[in-house]
PDB file of N, CA and C in Angstrom:
ATOM      1  N   UNK A   1       7.856   4.073   3.597  1.00  0.00           N
ATOM      2  CA  UNK A   1       8.677   5.265   3.574  1.00  0.00           C
ATOM      3  C   UNK A   1       8.953   5.690   5.014  1.00  0.00           C
ATOM      4  N   UNK A   2      10.180   5.984   5.273  1.00  0.00           N
ATOM      5  CA  UNK A   2      10.594   6.545   6.550  1.00  0.00           C
ATOM      6  C   UNK A   2      11.448   7.758   6.223  1.00  0.00           C
ATOM      7  N   UNK A   3      11.023   8.911   6.691  1.00  0.00           N
ATOM      8  CA  UNK A   3      11.745  10.154   6.402  1.00  0.00           C
ATOM      9  C   UNK A   3      12.023  10.308   4.906  1.00  0.00           C
ATOM     10  N   UNK A   4      11.001  10.032   4.097  1.00  0.00           N
ATOM     11  CA  UNK A   4      11.068  10.154   2.640  1.00  0.00           C
ATOM     12  C   UNK A   4      12.021   9.169   1.962  1.00  0.00           C
ATOM     13  N   UNK A   5      12.398   8.099   2.642  1.00  0.00           N
ATOM     14  CA  UNK A   5      13.227   7.050   2.056  1.00  0.00           C
ATOM     15  C   UNK A   5      12.431   5.760   1.995  1.00  0.00           C
ATOM     16  N   UNK A   6      12.450   5.114   0.840  1.00  0.00           N
ATOM     17  CA  UNK A   6      11.794   3.821   0.703  1.00  0.00           C
ATOM     18  C   UNK A   6      12.636   2.786   1.444  1.00  0.00           C
ATOM     19  N   UNK A   7      12.004   2.020   2.342  1.00  0.00           N
ATOM     20  CA  UNK A   7      12.757   1.069   3.151  1.00  0.00           C
ATOM     21  C   UNK A   7      12.582  -0.374   2.703  1.00  0.00           C
ATOM     22  N   UNK A   8      11.463  -0.676   2.052  1.00  0.00           N
ATOM     23  CA  UNK A   8      11.216  -2.025   1.566  1.00  0.00           C
ATOM     24  C   UNK A   8      10.308  -1.948   0.356  1.00  0.00           C
ATOM     25  N   UNK A   9      10.252  -3.044  -0.396  1.00  0.00           N
ATOM     26  CA  UNK A   9       9.562  -2.999  -1.676  1.00  0.00           C
ATOM     27  C   UNK A   9       9.126  -4.404  -2.064  1.00  0.00           C
ATOM     28  N   UNK A  10       7.891  -4.521  -2.581  1.00  0.00           N
ATOM     29  CA  UNK A  10       7.427  -5.788  -3.131  1.00  0.00           C
ATOM     30  C   UNK A  10       7.446  -5.672  -4.644  1.00  0.00           C
ATOM     31  N   UNK A  11       8.208  -6.519  -5.285  1.00  0.00           N
ATOM     32  CA  UNK A  11       8.306  -6.531  -6.739  1.00  0.00           C
ATOM     33  C   UNK A  11       7.297  -7.542  -7.271  1.00  0.00           C
ATOM     34  N   UNK A  12       6.257  -7.067  -7.927  1.00  0.00           N
ATOM     35  CA  UNK A  12       5.193  -7.955  -8.399  1.00  0.00           C
ATOM     36  C   UNK A  12       5.643  -8.819  -9.577  1.00  0.00           C
ATOM     37  N   UNK A  13       6.748  -8.468 -10.215  1.00  0.00           N
ATOM     38  CA  UNK A  13       7.271  -9.297 -11.307  1.00  0.00           C
ATOM     39  C   UNK A  13       8.037 -10.509 -10.766  1.00  0.00           C
ATOM     40  N   UNK A  14       8.917 -10.266  -9.802  1.00  0.00           N
ATOM     41  CA  UNK A  14       9.693 -11.365  -9.219  1.00  0.00           C
ATOM     42  C   UNK A  14       8.975 -12.009  -8.043  1.00  0.00           C
ATOM     43  N   UNK A  15       7.912 -11.345  -7.575  1.00  0.00           N
ATOM     44  CA  UNK A  15       7.130 -11.800  -6.425  1.00  0.00           C
ATOM     45  C   UNK A  15       8.016 -11.977  -5.189  1.00  0.00           C
ATOM     46  N   UNK A  16       8.846 -10.955  -4.923  1.00  0.00           N
ATOM     47  CA  UNK A  16       9.729 -10.948  -3.762  1.00  0.00           C
ATOM     48  C   UNK A  16       9.608  -9.617  -3.040  1.00  0.00           C
ATOM     49  N   UNK A  17       9.647  -9.672  -1.725  1.00  0.00           N
ATOM     50  CA  UNK A  17       9.662  -8.494  -0.870  1.00  0.00           C
ATOM     51  C   UNK A  17      11.118  -8.273  -0.474  1.00  0.00           C
ATOM     52  N   UNK A  18      11.659  -7.101  -0.765  1.00  0.00           N
ATOM     53  CA  UNK A  18      13.092  -6.879  -0.573  1.00  0.00           C
ATOM     54  C   UNK A  18      13.352  -5.571   0.174  1.00  0.00           C
ATOM     55  N   UNK A  19      14.460  -5.520   0.929  1.00  0.00           N
ATOM     56  CA  UNK A  19      14.836  -4.277   1.601  1.00  0.00           C
ATOM     57  C   UNK A  19      15.438  -3.298   0.600  1.00  0.00           C
ATOM     58  N   UNK A  20      15.216  -2.017   0.821  1.00  0.00           N
ATOM     59  CA  UNK A  20      15.782  -0.989  -0.049  1.00  0.00           C
ATOM     60  C   UNK A  20      16.856  -0.163   0.664  1.00  0.00           C
ATOM     61  N   UNK A  21      17.026  -0.384   1.956  1.00  0.00           N
ATOM     62  CA  UNK A  21      18.026   0.345   2.733  1.00  0.00           C
ATOM     63  C   UNK A  21      18.883  -0.663   3.502  1.00  0.00           C
ATOM     64  N   UNK A  22      20.176  -0.395   3.575  1.00  0.00           N
ATOM     65  CA  UNK A  22      21.071  -1.299   4.305  1.00  0.00           C
ATOM     66  C   UNK A  22      20.676  -1.439   5.769  1.00  0.00           C
ATOM     67  N   UNK A  23      20.247  -0.324   6.389  1.00  0.00           N
ATOM     68  CA  UNK A  23      19.887  -0.400   7.803  1.00  0.00           C
ATOM     69  C   UNK A  23      18.665  -1.281   8.014  1.00  0.00           C
ATOM     70  N   UNK A  24      17.795  -1.388   6.997  1.00  0.00           N
ATOM     71  CA  UNK A  24      16.627  -2.264   7.112  1.00  0.00           C
ATOM     72  C   UNK A  24      17.063  -3.728   7.079  1.00  0.00           C
ATOM     73  N   UNK A  25      18.052  -4.039   6.268  1.00  0.00           N
ATOM     74  CA  UNK A  25      18.601  -5.406   6.245  1.00  0.00           C
ATOM     75  C   UNK A  25      19.149  -5.772   7.619  1.00  0.00           C
ATOM     76  N   UNK A  26      19.904  -4.839   8.207  1.00  0.00           N
ATOM     77  CA  UNK A  26      20.501  -5.092   9.525  1.00  0.00           C
ATOM     78  C   UNK A  26      19.439  -5.212  10.609  1.00  0.00           C
ATOM     79  N   UNK A  27      18.397  -4.399  10.501  1.00  0.00           N
ATOM     80  CA  UNK A  27      17.341  -4.406  11.522  1.00  0.00           C
ATOM     81  C   UNK A  27      16.558  -5.710  11.537  1.00  0.00           C
ATOM     82  N   UNK A  28      16.575  -6.438  10.429  1.00  0.00           N
ATOM     83  CA  UNK A  28      15.804  -7.685  10.344  1.00  0.00           C
ATOM     84  C   UNK A  28      16.684  -8.932  10.420  1.00  0.00           C
ATOM     85  N   UNK A  29      17.969  -8.757  10.712  1.00  0.00           N
ATOM     86  CA  UNK A  29      18.876  -9.904  10.791  1.00  0.00           C
ATOM     87  C   UNK A  29      18.465 -10.913  11.859  1.00  0.00           C
ATOM     88  N   UNK A  30      17.861 -10.436  12.949  1.00  0.00           N
ATOM     89  CA  UNK A  30      17.457 -11.327  14.042  1.00  0.00           C
ATOM     90  C   UNK A  30      16.280 -12.215  13.667  1.00  0.00           C
ATOM     91  N   UNK A  31      15.529 -11.834  12.659  1.00  0.00           N
ATOM     92  CA  UNK A  31      14.353 -12.595  12.224  1.00  0.00           C
ATOM     93  C   UNK A  31      14.638 -13.160  10.833  1.00  0.00           C
ATOM     94  N   UNK A  32      15.167 -14.368  10.798  1.00  0.00           N
ATOM     95  CA  UNK A  32      15.597 -14.976   9.538  1.00  0.00           C
ATOM     96  C   UNK A  32      14.462 -15.132   8.533  1.00  0.00           C
ATOM     97  N   UNK A  33      13.245 -15.270   9.007  1.00  0.00           N
ATOM     98  CA  UNK A  33      12.099 -15.486   8.121  1.00  0.00           C
ATOM     99  C   UNK A  33      11.366 -14.202   7.744  1.00  0.00           C
ATOM    100  N   UNK A  34      11.854 -13.048   8.193  1.00  0.00           N
ATOM    101  CA  UNK A  34      11.128 -11.793   7.992  1.00  0.00           C
ATOM    102  C   UNK A  34      10.774 -11.555   6.527  1.00  0.00           C
ATOM    103  N   UNK A  35      11.758 -11.637   5.628  1.00  0.00           N
ATOM    104  CA  UNK A  35      11.517 -11.307   4.221  1.00  0.00           C
ATOM    105  C   UNK A  35      10.639 -12.350   3.548  1.00  0.00           C
ATOM    106  N   UNK A  36      10.769 -13.611   3.971  1.00  0.00           N
ATOM    107  CA  UNK A  36       9.907 -14.655   3.411  1.00  0.00           C
ATOM    108  C   UNK A  36       8.453 -14.449   3.855  1.00  0.00           C
ATOM    109  N   UNK A  37       8.258 -14.104   5.140  1.00  0.00           N
ATOM    110  CA  UNK A  37       6.893 -13.847   5.638  1.00  0.00           C
ATOM    111  C   UNK A  37       6.272 -12.655   4.924  1.00  0.00           C
ATOM    112  N   UNK A  38       7.048 -11.594   4.759  1.00  0.00           N
ATOM    113  CA  UNK A  38       6.542 -10.402   4.072  1.00  0.00           C
ATOM    114  C   UNK A  38       6.247 -10.701   2.602  1.00  0.00           C
ATOM    115  N   UNK A  39       7.069 -11.553   1.990  1.00  0.00           N
ATOM    116  CA  UNK A  39       6.828 -11.951   0.602  1.00  0.00           C
ATOM    117  C   UNK A  39       5.504 -12.690   0.485  1.00  0.00           C
ATOM    118  N   UNK A  40       5.260 -13.650   1.374  1.00  0.00           N
ATOM    119  CA  UNK A  40       4.013 -14.420   1.325  1.00  0.00           C
ATOM    120  C   UNK A  40       2.801 -13.524   1.570  1.00  0.00           C
ATOM    121  N   UNK A  41       2.898 -12.611   2.541  1.00  0.00           N
ATOM    122  CA  UNK A  41       1.803 -11.665   2.801  1.00  0.00           C
ATOM    123  C   UNK A  41       1.541 -10.786   1.581  1.00  0.00           C
ATOM    124  N   UNK A  42       2.598 -10.344   0.935  1.00  0.00           N
ATOM    125  CA  UNK A  42       2.450  -9.466  -0.229  1.00  0.00           C
ATOM    126  C   UNK A  42       1.833 -10.193  -1.410  1.00  0.00           C
ATOM    127  N   UNK A  43       2.139 -11.472  -1.572  1.00  0.00           N
ATOM    128  CA  UNK A  43       1.514 -12.257  -2.640  1.00  0.00           C
ATOM    129  C   UNK A  43       0.004 -12.331  -2.439  1.00  0.00           C
ATOM    130  N   UNK A  44      -0.415 -12.547  -1.194  1.00  0.00           N
ATOM    131  CA  UNK A  44      -1.848 -12.595  -0.881  1.00  0.00           C
ATOM    132  C   UNK A  44      -2.482 -11.229  -1.135  1.00  0.00           C
ATOM    133  N   UNK A  45      -1.812 -10.162  -0.691  1.00  0.00           N
ATOM    134  CA  UNK A  45      -2.327  -8.807  -0.907  1.00  0.00           C
ATOM    135  C   UNK A  45      -2.434  -8.490  -2.396  1.00  0.00           C
ATOM    136  N   UNK A  46      -1.463  -8.944  -3.183  1.00  0.00           N
ATOM    137  CA  UNK A  46      -1.491  -8.702  -4.627  1.00  0.00           C
ATOM    138  C   UNK A  46      -2.711  -9.367  -5.252  1.00  0.00           C
ATOM    139  N   UNK A  47      -2.974 -10.616  -4.893  1.00  0.00           N
ATOM    140  CA  UNK A  47      -4.122 -11.325  -5.444  1.00  0.00           C
ATOM    141  C   UNK A  47      -5.430 -10.675  -4.998  1.00  0.00           C
ATOM    142  N   UNK A  48      -5.515 -10.306  -3.718  1.00  0.00           N
ATOM    143  CA  UNK A  48      -6.710  -9.638  -3.199  1.00  0.00           C
ATOM    144  C   UNK A  48      -6.936  -8.318  -3.919  1.00  0.00           C
ATOM    145  N   UNK A  49      -5.864  -7.572  -4.151  1.00  0.00           N
ATOM    146  CA  UNK A  49      -5.949  -6.296  -4.842  1.00  0.00           C
ATOM    147  C   UNK A  49      -6.494  -6.477  -6.254  1.00  0.00           C
ATOM    148  N   UNK A  50      -6.010  -7.498  -6.971  1.00  0.00           N
ATOM    149  CA  UNK A  50      -6.491  -7.753  -8.330  1.00  0.00           C
ATOM    150  C   UNK A  50      -7.987  -8.053  -8.333  1.00  0.00           C
ATOM    151  N   UNK A  51      -8.435  -8.866  -7.389  1.00  0.00           N
ATOM    152  CA  UNK A  51      -9.862  -9.201  -7.297  1.00  0.00           C
ATOM    153  C   UNK A  51     -10.675  -7.949  -6.997  1.00  0.00           C
ATOM    154  N   UNK A  52     -10.225  -7.148  -6.024  1.00  0.00           N
ATOM    155  CA  UNK A  52     -10.947  -5.926  -5.667  1.00  0.00           C
ATOM    156  C   UNK A  52     -10.968  -4.923  -6.813  1.00  0.00           C
ATOM    157  N   UNK A  53      -9.892  -4.842  -7.573  1.00  0.00           N
ATOM    158  CA  UNK A  53      -9.853  -3.948  -8.728  1.00  0.00           C
ATOM    159  C   UNK A  53     -10.864  -4.390  -9.777  1.00  0.00           C
ATOM    160  N   UNK A  54     -10.937  -5.689 -10.031  1.00  0.00           N
ATOM    161  CA  UNK A  54     -11.926  -6.200 -10.993  1.00  0.00           C
ATOM    162  C   UNK A  54     -13.349  -5.888 -10.540  1.00  0.00           C
ATOM    163  N   UNK A  55     -13.615  -6.030  -9.252  1.00  0.00           N
ATOM    164  CA  UNK A  55     -14.944  -5.711  -8.712  1.00  0.00           C
ATOM    165  C   UNK A  55     -15.247  -4.226  -8.904  1.00  0.00           C
ATOM    166  N   UNK A  56     -14.286  -3.361  -8.572  1.00  0.00           N
ATOM    167  CA  UNK A  56     -14.492  -1.914  -8.713  1.00  0.00           C
ATOM    168  C   UNK A  56     -14.727  -1.535 -10.171  1.00  0.00           C
ATOM    169  N   UNK A  57     -13.983  -2.135 -11.087  1.00  0.00           N
ATOM    170  CA  UNK A  57     -14.158  -1.831 -12.508  1.00  0.00           C
ATOM    171  C   UNK A  57     -15.549  -2.233 -12.991  1.00  0.00           C
ATOM    172  N   UNK A  58     -16.026  -3.386 -12.540  1.00  0.00           N
ATOM    173  CA  UNK A  58     -17.376  -3.817 -12.934  1.00  0.00           C
ATOM    174  C   UNK A  58     -18.443  -2.880 -12.356  1.00  0.00           C
ATOM    175  N   UNK A  59     -18.283  -2.494 -11.101  1.00  0.00           N
ATOM    176  CA  UNK A  59     -19.281  -1.621 -10.463  1.00  0.00           C
ATOM    177  C   UNK A  59     -19.366  -0.260 -11.130  1.00  0.00           C
ATOM    178  N   UNK A  60     -18.262   0.213 -11.690  1.00  0.00           N
ATOM    179  CA  UNK A  60     -18.247   1.517 -12.346  1.00  0.00           C
ATOM    180  C   UNK A  60     -18.324   1.395 -13.863  1.00  0.00           C
ATOM    181  N   UNK A  61     -18.700   0.216 -14.353  1.00  0.00           N
ATOM    182  CA  UNK A  61     -18.800  -0.041 -15.796  1.00  0.00           C
ATOM    183  C   UNK A  61     -17.524   0.352 -16.536  1.00  0.00           C
ATOM    184  N   UNK A  62     -16.402   0.014 -15.975  1.00  0.00           N
ATOM    185  CA  UNK A  62     -15.103   0.334 -16.569  1.00  0.00           C
ATOM    186  C   UNK A  62     -14.401  -0.982 -16.890  1.00  0.00           C
ATOM    187  N   UNK A  63     -14.695  -1.560 -18.042  1.00  0.00           N
ATOM    188  CA  UNK A  63     -14.163  -2.880 -18.358  1.00  0.00           C
ATOM    189  C   UNK A  63     -12.822  -2.842 -19.080  1.00  0.00           C
ATOM    190  N   UNK A  64     -12.430  -1.708 -19.612  1.00  0.00           N
ATOM    191  CA  UNK A  64     -11.161  -1.626 -20.325  1.00  0.00           C
ATOM    192  C   UNK A  64     -10.458  -0.326 -20.029  1.00  0.00           C
ATOM    193  N   UNK A  65      -9.283  -0.182 -20.572  1.00  0.00           N
ATOM    194  CA  UNK A  65      -8.540   1.060 -20.404  1.00  0.00           C
ATOM    195  C   UNK A  65      -7.513   0.979 -19.295  1.00  0.00           C
ATOM    196  N   UNK A  66      -6.851   2.086 -19.083  1.00  0.00           N
ATOM    197  CA  UNK A  66      -5.803   2.191 -18.086  1.00  0.00           C
ATOM    198  C   UNK A  66      -6.359   2.833 -16.825  1.00  0.00           C
ATOM    199  N   UNK A  67      -6.089   2.237 -15.676  1.00  0.00           N
ATOM    200  CA  UNK A  67      -6.582   2.758 -14.408  1.00  0.00           C
ATOM    201  C   UNK A  67      -5.424   2.979 -13.455  1.00  0.00           C
ATOM    202  N   UNK A  68      -5.553   4.010 -12.668  1.00  0.00           N
ATOM    203  CA  UNK A  68      -4.565   4.323 -11.644  1.00  0.00           C
ATOM    204  C   UNK A  68      -5.282   4.283 -10.309  1.00  0.00           C
ATOM    205  N   UNK A  69      -4.775   3.472  -9.405  1.00  0.00           N
ATOM    206  CA  UNK A  69      -5.334   3.440  -8.053  1.00  0.00           C
ATOM    207  C   UNK A  69      -4.247   3.930  -7.119  1.00  0.00           C
ATOM    208  N   UNK A  70      -4.593   4.899  -6.312  1.00  0.00           N
ATOM    209  CA  UNK A  70      -3.624   5.504  -5.415  1.00  0.00           C
ATOM    210  C   UNK A  70      -4.093   5.307  -3.985  1.00  0.00           C
ATOM    211  N   UNK A  71      -3.232   4.728  -3.157  1.00  0.00           N
ATOM    212  CA  UNK A  71      -3.500   4.593  -1.733  1.00  0.00           C
ATOM    213  C   UNK A  71      -2.545   5.521  -1.002  1.00  0.00           C
ATOM    214  N   UNK A  72      -3.079   6.322  -0.120  1.00  0.00           N
ATOM    215  CA  UNK A  72      -2.246   7.226   0.655  1.00  0.00           C
ATOM    216  C   UNK A  72      -2.487   6.920   2.121  1.00  0.00           C
ATOM    217  N   UNK A  73      -1.446   6.529   2.817  1.00  0.00           N
ATOM    218  CA  UNK A  73      -1.532   6.282   4.249  1.00  0.00           C
ATOM    219  C   UNK A  73      -0.727   7.355   4.954  1.00  0.00           C
ATOM    220  N   UNK A  74      -1.312   7.933   5.980  1.00  0.00           N
ATOM    221  CA  UNK A  74      -0.627   9.000   6.694  1.00  0.00           C
ATOM    222  C   UNK A  74      -0.813   8.782   8.180  1.00  0.00           C
ATOM    223  N   UNK A  75       0.258   8.878   8.912  1.00  0.00           N
ATOM    224  CA  UNK A  75       0.196   8.699  10.351  1.00  0.00           C
ATOM    225  C   UNK A  75       0.567  10.019  11.012  1.00  0.00           C
ATOM    226  N   UNK A  76      -0.339  10.551  11.804  1.00  0.00           N
ATOM    227  CA  UNK A  76      -0.098  11.805  12.507  1.00  0.00           C
ATOM    228  C   UNK A  76      -0.141  11.552  14.006  1.00  0.00           C
ATOM    229  N   UNK A  77       0.750  12.160  14.725  1.00  0.00           N
ATOM    230  CA  UNK A  77       0.732  12.074  16.179  1.00  0.00           C
ATOM    231  C   UNK A  77       0.186  13.386  16.723  1.00  0.00           C
ATOM    232  N   UNK A  78      -0.803  13.285  17.612  1.00  0.00           N
ATOM    233  CA  UNK A  78      -1.442  14.480  18.158  1.00  0.00           C
ATOM    234  C   UNK A  78      -0.586  15.136  19.227  1.00  0.00           C
ATOM    235  N   UNK A  79       0.162  14.357  19.967  1.00  0.00           N
ATOM    236  CA  UNK A  79       0.987  14.872  21.050  1.00  0.00           C
ATOM    237  C   UNK A  79       2.422  14.422  20.837  1.00  0.00           C
ATOM    238  N   UNK A  80       3.312  15.002  21.572  1.00  0.00           N
ATOM    239  CA  UNK A  80       4.694  14.557  21.514  1.00  0.00           C
ATOM    240  C   UNK A  80       4.872  13.211  22.200  1.00  0.00           C
ATOM    241  N   UNK A  81       3.911  12.838  23.035  1.00  0.00           N
ATOM    242  CA  UNK A  81       3.941  11.552  23.725  1.00  0.00           C
ATOM    243  C   UNK A  81       3.567  10.462  22.723  1.00  0.00           C
ATOM    244  N   UNK A  82       4.549   9.733  22.217  1.00  0.00           N
ATOM    245  CA  UNK A  82       4.298   8.744  21.176  1.00  0.00           C
ATOM    246  C   UNK A  82       3.638   7.479  21.711  1.00  0.00           C
ATOM    247  N   UNK A  83       3.428   7.395  23.008  1.00  0.00           N
ATOM    248  CA  UNK A  83       2.736   6.239  23.565  1.00  0.00           C
ATOM    249  C   UNK A  83       1.230   6.368  23.402  1.00  0.00           C
ATOM    250  N   UNK A  84       0.780   7.556  23.099  1.00  0.00           N
ATOM    251  CA  UNK A  84      -0.661   7.764  22.917  1.00  0.00           C
ATOM    252  C   UNK A  84      -1.107   7.227  21.562  1.00  0.00           C
ATOM    253  N   UNK A  85      -2.400   7.037  21.457  1.00  0.00           N
ATOM    254  CA  UNK A  85      -2.983   6.510  20.223  1.00  0.00           C
ATOM    255  C   UNK A  85      -2.782   7.494  19.074  1.00  0.00           C
ATOM    256  N   UNK A  86      -2.412   6.985  17.940  1.00  0.00           N
ATOM    257  CA  UNK A  86      -2.224   7.837  16.773  1.00  0.00           C
ATOM    258  C   UNK A  86      -3.383   7.658  15.809  1.00  0.00           C
ATOM    259  N   UNK A  87      -3.494   8.570  14.878  1.00  0.00           N
ATOM    260  CA  UNK A  87      -4.545   8.529  13.864  1.00  0.00           C
ATOM    261  C   UNK A  87      -3.946   7.999  12.575  1.00  0.00           C
ATOM    262  N   UNK A  88      -4.598   7.021  11.994  1.00  0.00           N
ATOM    263  CA  UNK A  88      -4.179   6.503  10.705  1.00  0.00           C
ATOM    264  C   UNK A  88      -5.223   6.935   9.695  1.00  0.00           C
ATOM    265  N   UNK A  89      -4.834   7.756   8.748  1.00  0.00           N
ATOM    266  CA  UNK A  89      -5.747   8.235   7.715  1.00  0.00           C
ATOM    267  C   UNK A  89      -5.504   7.444   6.443  1.00  0.00           C
ATOM    268  N   UNK A  90      -6.562   7.138   5.752  1.00  0.00           N
ATOM    269  CA  UNK A  90      -6.480   6.346   4.528  1.00  0.00           C
ATOM    270  C   UNK A  90      -7.273   7.062   3.453  1.00  0.00           C
ATOM    271  N   UNK A  91      -6.664   7.232   2.299  1.00  0.00           N
ATOM    272  CA  UNK A  91      -7.329   7.896   1.185  1.00  0.00           C
ATOM    273  C   UNK A  91      -7.176   7.007  -0.043  1.00  0.00           C
ATOM    274  N   UNK A  92      -8.274   6.750  -0.728  1.00  0.00           N
ATOM    275  CA  UNK A  92      -8.270   5.914  -1.931  1.00  0.00           C
ATOM    276  C   UNK A  92      -8.813   6.731  -3.089  1.00  0.00           C
ATOM    277  N   UNK A  93      -8.090   6.723  -4.194  1.00  0.00           N
ATOM    278  CA  UNK A  93      -8.538   7.401  -5.403  1.00  0.00           C
ATOM    279  C   UNK A  93      -8.477   6.395  -6.551  1.00  0.00           C
ATOM    280  N   UNK A  94      -9.607   6.194  -7.236  1.00  0.00           N
ATOM    281  CA  UNK A  94      -9.661   5.355  -8.438  1.00  0.00           C
ATOM    282  C   UNK A  94      -9.821   6.309  -9.615  1.00  0.00           C
ATOM    283  N   UNK A  95      -8.851   6.301 -10.515  1.00  0.00           N
ATOM    284  CA  UNK A  95      -8.774   7.293 -11.584  1.00  0.00           C
ATOM    285  C   UNK A  95      -8.711   6.591 -12.935  1.00  0.00           C
ATOM    286  N   UNK A  96      -9.569   6.988 -13.866  1.00  0.00           N
ATOM    287  CA  UNK A  96      -9.537   6.456 -15.228  1.00  0.00           C
ATOM    288  C   UNK A  96      -8.627   7.348 -16.063  1.00  0.00           C
ATOM    289  N   UNK A  97      -7.453   6.841 -16.399  1.00  0.00           N
ATOM    290  CA  UNK A  97      -6.495   7.631 -17.167  1.00  0.00           C
ATOM    291  C   UNK A  97      -6.993   7.870 -18.588  1.00  0.00           C
ATOM    292  N   UNK A  98      -7.731   6.912 -19.142  1.00  0.00           N
ATOM    293  CA  UNK A  98      -8.246   7.069 -20.503  1.00  0.00           C
ATOM    294  C   UNK A  98      -9.290   8.175 -20.591  1.00  0.00           C
ATOM    295  N   UNK A  99     -10.158   8.242 -19.603  1.00  0.00           N
ATOM    296  CA  UNK A  99     -11.248   9.222 -19.623  1.00  0.00           C
ATOM    297  C   UNK A  99     -10.919  10.479 -18.832  1.00  0.00           C
ATOM    298  N   UNK A 100      -9.739  10.494 -18.200  1.00  0.00           N
ATOM    299  CA  UNK A 100      -9.292  11.646 -17.432  1.00  0.00           C
ATOM    300  C   UNK A 100     -10.326  12.072 -16.393  1.00  0.00           C
ATOM    301  N   UNK A 101     -10.790  11.094 -15.610  1.00  0.00           N
ATOM    302  CA  UNK A 101     -11.776  11.406 -14.585  1.00  0.00           C
ATOM    303  C   UNK A 101     -11.557  10.549 -13.347  1.00  0.00           C
ATOM    304  N   UNK A 102     -11.964  11.095 -12.217  1.00  0.00           N
ATOM    305  CA  UNK A 102     -11.916  10.359 -10.961  1.00  0.00           C
ATOM    306  C   UNK A 102     -13.220   9.592 -10.823  1.00  0.00           C
ATOM    307  N   UNK A 103     -13.113   8.274 -10.634  1.00  0.00           N
ATOM    308  CA  UNK A 103     -14.294   7.432 -10.509  1.00  0.00           C
ATOM    309  C   UNK A 103     -14.711   7.259  -9.055  1.00  0.00           C
ATOM    310  N   UNK A 104     -13.744   7.278  -8.153  1.00  0.00           N
ATOM    311  CA  UNK A 104     -14.028   7.030  -6.746  1.00  0.00           C
ATOM    312  C   UNK A 104     -13.005   7.762  -5.906  1.00  0.00           C
ATOM    313  N   UNK A 105     -13.450   8.406  -4.850  1.00  0.00           N
ATOM    314  CA  UNK A 105     -12.559   9.115  -3.944  1.00  0.00           C
ATOM    315  C   UNK A 105     -13.068   8.892  -2.530  1.00  0.00           C
ATOM    316  N   UNK A 106     -12.335   8.118  -1.744  1.00  0.00           N
ATOM    317  CA  UNK A 106     -12.745   7.807  -0.376  1.00  0.00           C
ATOM    318  C   UNK A 106     -11.689   8.292   0.600  1.00  0.00           C
ATOM    319  N   UNK A 107     -12.137   8.751   1.742  1.00  0.00           N
ATOM    320  CA  UNK A 107     -11.220   9.117   2.819  1.00  0.00           C
ATOM    321  C   UNK A 107     -11.768   8.509   4.101  1.00  0.00           C
ATOM    322  N   UNK A 108     -10.949   7.715   4.759  1.00  0.00           N
ATOM    323  CA  UNK A 108     -11.369   7.040   5.988  1.00  0.00           C
ATOM    324  C   UNK A 108     -10.372   7.369   7.085  1.00  0.00           C
ATOM    325  N   UNK A 109     -10.845   7.399   8.307  1.00  0.00           N
ATOM    326  CA  UNK A 109      -9.966   7.613   9.450  1.00  0.00           C
ATOM    327  C   UNK A 109     -10.340   6.642  10.545  1.00  0.00           C
ATOM    328  N   UNK A 110      -9.335   6.187  11.245  1.00  0.00           N
ATOM    329  CA  UNK A 110      -9.565   5.309  12.392  1.00  0.00           C
ATOM    330  C   UNK A 110      -8.668   5.783  13.518  1.00  0.00           C
ATOM    331  N   UNK A 111      -9.202   5.826  14.717  1.00  0.00           N
ATOM    332  CA  UNK A 111      -8.392   6.289  15.838  1.00  0.00           C
ATOM    333  C   UNK A 111      -7.780   5.173  16.595  1.00  0.00           C
TER     334      UNK A 111
END
């Protein structure tokens, strides 16, 4: 997301990483392999995510039902000088929709 606009998207059904904005297509014209590289990276991330989800479900004794996993990434700049180091905040919520409860809530920060 850039300024509340989705700029790219990985479709797990077609297994393709695609641009969602015309300006993003133009910005990547110089790198002919950009979308293919992002597609391959996303396929690996998808498989890793499935494995990690299975591990989390086993650890919390949640073998069935509907689960919602939410990742929130937020980038804040401390100063107007964008050359300085920024803070990347990461928040993970594992939610059991069937039981209407939060199973895991993590917040991590790295400078």
